[in-house]
Amino acid sequence: MSGKLFFRNDRGSAAVEFSLVLPVFLVMIIGVFAVGWAAHSTHNLRHALAEGARALQLKPTITQTELQTLVRSKVFEGHGPEDVSVTLTFDPLAAGVQLAHTTATYPVTFTVPLVGSYSFTYSVSMTVPVTAS
C-alpha cells in the first residue's frame, strides 16, 4: 500500500472516534448519576425532617433523641441514616405557644471517576409552632 492510499483509507475511523468519545461519555453519565444520588439524598432528608416536625406538632413533648430516632427511621436505608444528626430548640412565645426549631444535617459525598470526589454537609431546618406543655 502506498503512502497516498494509506492516508486516504478510512477503515477503522469509527472505532478510533468511538474510543475517543466513550471515556468522556461514561464520565458524564456516571457524573449525572452521582449528582442525582446526592439530590435524592438531600430530598430524602428534607422529607424525613418534615415528618419529624409533623410528629413534633402532634406531640410537643418529644425529646431531641426521640426526634432524631424518628427522623433516622424515615431516611432511606441506602443513604446511611446513622450519619444524620438532628437538633431541637424551642423559642417561647405568648399565649402558651412556642416555636420548635428542628435542624438535620447529613454529610453527602459523591465521586466521579477521573474527575474527583466532592463532599459537603447538607443541612435543612424547619420551624413549627407547638403548644407549650
Protein backbone atom coordinates (compact mmCIF):
# COMPACT_ATOMS: atom_id res chain seq x y z
CA MET A 1 0.00 0.00 0.00
CA SER A 2 1.44 3.34 -1.00
CA GLY A 3 1.56 6.41 1.23
CA LYS A 4 -1.31 8.20 -0.51
CA LEU A 5 -3.58 5.18 -0.25
CA PHE A 6 -2.69 4.71 3.40
CA PHE A 7 -3.80 8.22 4.37
CA ARG A 8 -6.97 8.04 2.25
CA ASN A 9 -8.03 4.74 3.78
CA ASP A 10 -10.78 5.44 6.36
CA ARG A 11 -11.33 1.90 7.59
CA GLY A 12 -11.36 1.88 11.36
CA SER A 13 -12.01 5.60 11.72
CA ALA A 14 -15.31 4.93 13.50
CA ALA A 15 -13.51 2.73 16.04
CA VAL A 16 -10.95 5.48 16.70
CA GLU A 17 -13.68 8.11 17.15
CA PHE A 18 -15.60 5.77 19.43
CA SER A 19 -12.52 5.16 21.59
CA LEU A 20 -12.03 8.92 21.94
CA VAL A 21 -15.67 9.73 22.80
CA LEU A 22 -16.51 6.76 25.06
CA PRO A 23 -14.46 7.77 28.15
CA VAL A 24 -15.89 11.30 28.14
CA PHE A 25 -19.41 9.95 27.68
CA LEU A 26 -19.02 7.45 30.54
CA VAL A 27 -17.66 10.12 32.90
CA MET A 28 -20.64 12.33 32.06
CA ILE A 29 -23.15 9.52 32.63
CA ILE A 30 -21.58 8.49 35.94
CA GLY A 31 -21.46 12.17 36.98
CA VAL A 32 -25.17 12.57 36.26
CA PHE A 33 -25.94 9.52 38.41
CA ALA A 34 -23.71 10.81 41.24
CA VAL A 35 -25.35 14.24 41.24
CA GLY A 36 -28.78 12.58 41.07
CA TRP A 37 -27.95 10.42 44.08
CA ALA A 38 -26.82 13.49 46.04
CA ALA A 39 -30.05 15.30 45.12
CA HIS A 40 -32.08 12.26 46.17
CA SER A 41 -30.22 12.14 49.48
CA THR A 42 -30.95 15.77 50.25
CA HIS A 43 -34.61 15.45 49.28
CA ASN A 44 -34.91 12.33 51.42
CA LEU A 45 -33.51 14.18 54.44
CA ARG A 46 -35.87 17.12 53.90
CA HIS A 47 -38.85 14.75 53.77
CA ALA A 48 -37.71 12.87 56.90
CA LEU A 49 -37.33 16.13 58.84
CA ALA A 50 -40.78 17.26 57.70
CA GLU A 51 -42.21 14.01 59.07
CA GLY A 52 -40.41 14.65 62.35
CA ALA A 53 -41.72 18.21 62.52
CA ARG A 54 -45.27 16.96 61.98
CA ALA A 55 -44.84 14.46 64.79
CA LEU A 56 -43.49 17.25 66.99
CA GLN A 57 -46.63 19.30 66.38
CA LEU A 58 -48.79 16.35 67.38
CA LYS A 59 -46.71 15.50 70.45
CA PRO A 60 -44.81 18.57 71.72
CA THR A 61 -43.11 16.57 74.49
CA ILE A 62 -40.82 14.72 72.06
CA THR A 63 -37.19 14.93 73.12
CA GLN A 64 -34.28 15.59 70.78
CA THR A 65 -33.23 11.91 71.00
CA GLU A 66 -36.73 10.71 70.12
CA LEU A 67 -36.91 13.18 67.23
CA GLN A 68 -33.53 12.05 65.92
CA THR A 69 -34.61 8.40 66.10
CA LEU A 70 -37.82 9.24 64.25
CA VAL A 71 -36.03 11.20 61.52
CA ARG A 72 -33.42 8.47 61.10
CA SER A 73 -36.17 5.86 60.75
CA LYS A 74 -37.68 7.87 57.87
CA VAL A 75 -34.38 8.19 55.98
CA PHE A 76 -33.93 5.64 53.20
CA GLU A 77 -31.54 2.90 54.33
CA GLY A 78 -29.27 3.39 51.32
CA HIS A 79 -28.45 6.94 52.45
CA GLY A 80 -26.89 5.96 55.79
CA PRO A 81 -29.41 7.12 58.37
CA GLU A 82 -26.84 6.67 61.15
CA ASP A 83 -24.99 9.72 59.75
CA VAL A 84 -27.98 12.03 60.22
CA SER A 85 -27.85 14.33 63.23
CA VAL A 86 -30.86 16.28 64.47
CA THR A 87 -31.08 19.24 66.83
CA LEU A 88 -34.18 20.62 68.51
CA THR A 89 -34.58 24.01 70.20
CA PHE A 90 -37.60 25.88 71.49
CA ASP A 91 -38.35 29.63 71.48
CA PRO A 92 -41.14 30.69 73.83
CA LEU A 93 -43.95 32.87 72.54
CA ALA A 94 -47.01 34.33 74.22
CA ALA A 95 -50.32 32.59 74.94
CA GLY A 96 -48.90 29.11 75.52
CA VAL A 97 -47.44 28.70 72.02
CA GLN A 98 -43.76 28.24 71.29
CA LEU A 99 -41.69 27.71 68.17
CA ALA A 100 -39.76 24.49 67.75
CA HIS A 101 -36.67 24.78 65.52
CA THR A 102 -35.52 21.47 64.07
CA THR A 103 -32.33 21.06 62.07
CA ALA A 104 -30.99 17.94 60.41
CA THR A 105 -27.52 17.62 58.90
CA TYR A 106 -26.21 14.90 56.63
CA PRO A 107 -22.76 14.50 55.03
CA VAL A 108 -23.01 13.93 51.27
CA THR A 109 -20.12 12.63 49.17
CA PHE A 110 -20.18 11.76 45.51
CA THR A 111 -17.35 10.53 43.35
CA VAL A 112 -16.99 10.92 39.61
CA PRO A 113 -14.28 8.69 38.11
CA LEU A 114 -11.36 10.59 36.60
CA VAL A 115 -12.78 13.88 37.92
CA GLY A 116 -12.68 13.57 41.70
CA SER A 117 -14.65 13.24 44.88
CA TYR A 118 -16.81 16.02 46.28
CA SER A 119 -18.07 16.23 49.85
CA PHE A 120 -20.39 18.66 51.56
CA THR A 121 -22.68 18.72 54.56
CA TYR A 122 -26.32 19.25 53.72
CA SER A 123 -28.36 20.98 56.40
CA VAL A 124 -32.10 21.55 56.43
CA SER A 125 -34.13 23.43 59.05
CA MET A 126 -37.80 23.65 59.83
CA THR A 127 -39.67 25.74 62.36
CA VAL A 128 -43.10 24.71 63.60
CA PRO A 129 -45.42 26.15 66.23
CA VAL A 130 -46.21 23.85 69.13
CA THR A 131 -48.44 24.20 72.14
CA ALA A 132 -46.39 24.69 75.28
CA SER A 133 -46.80 21.89 77.76
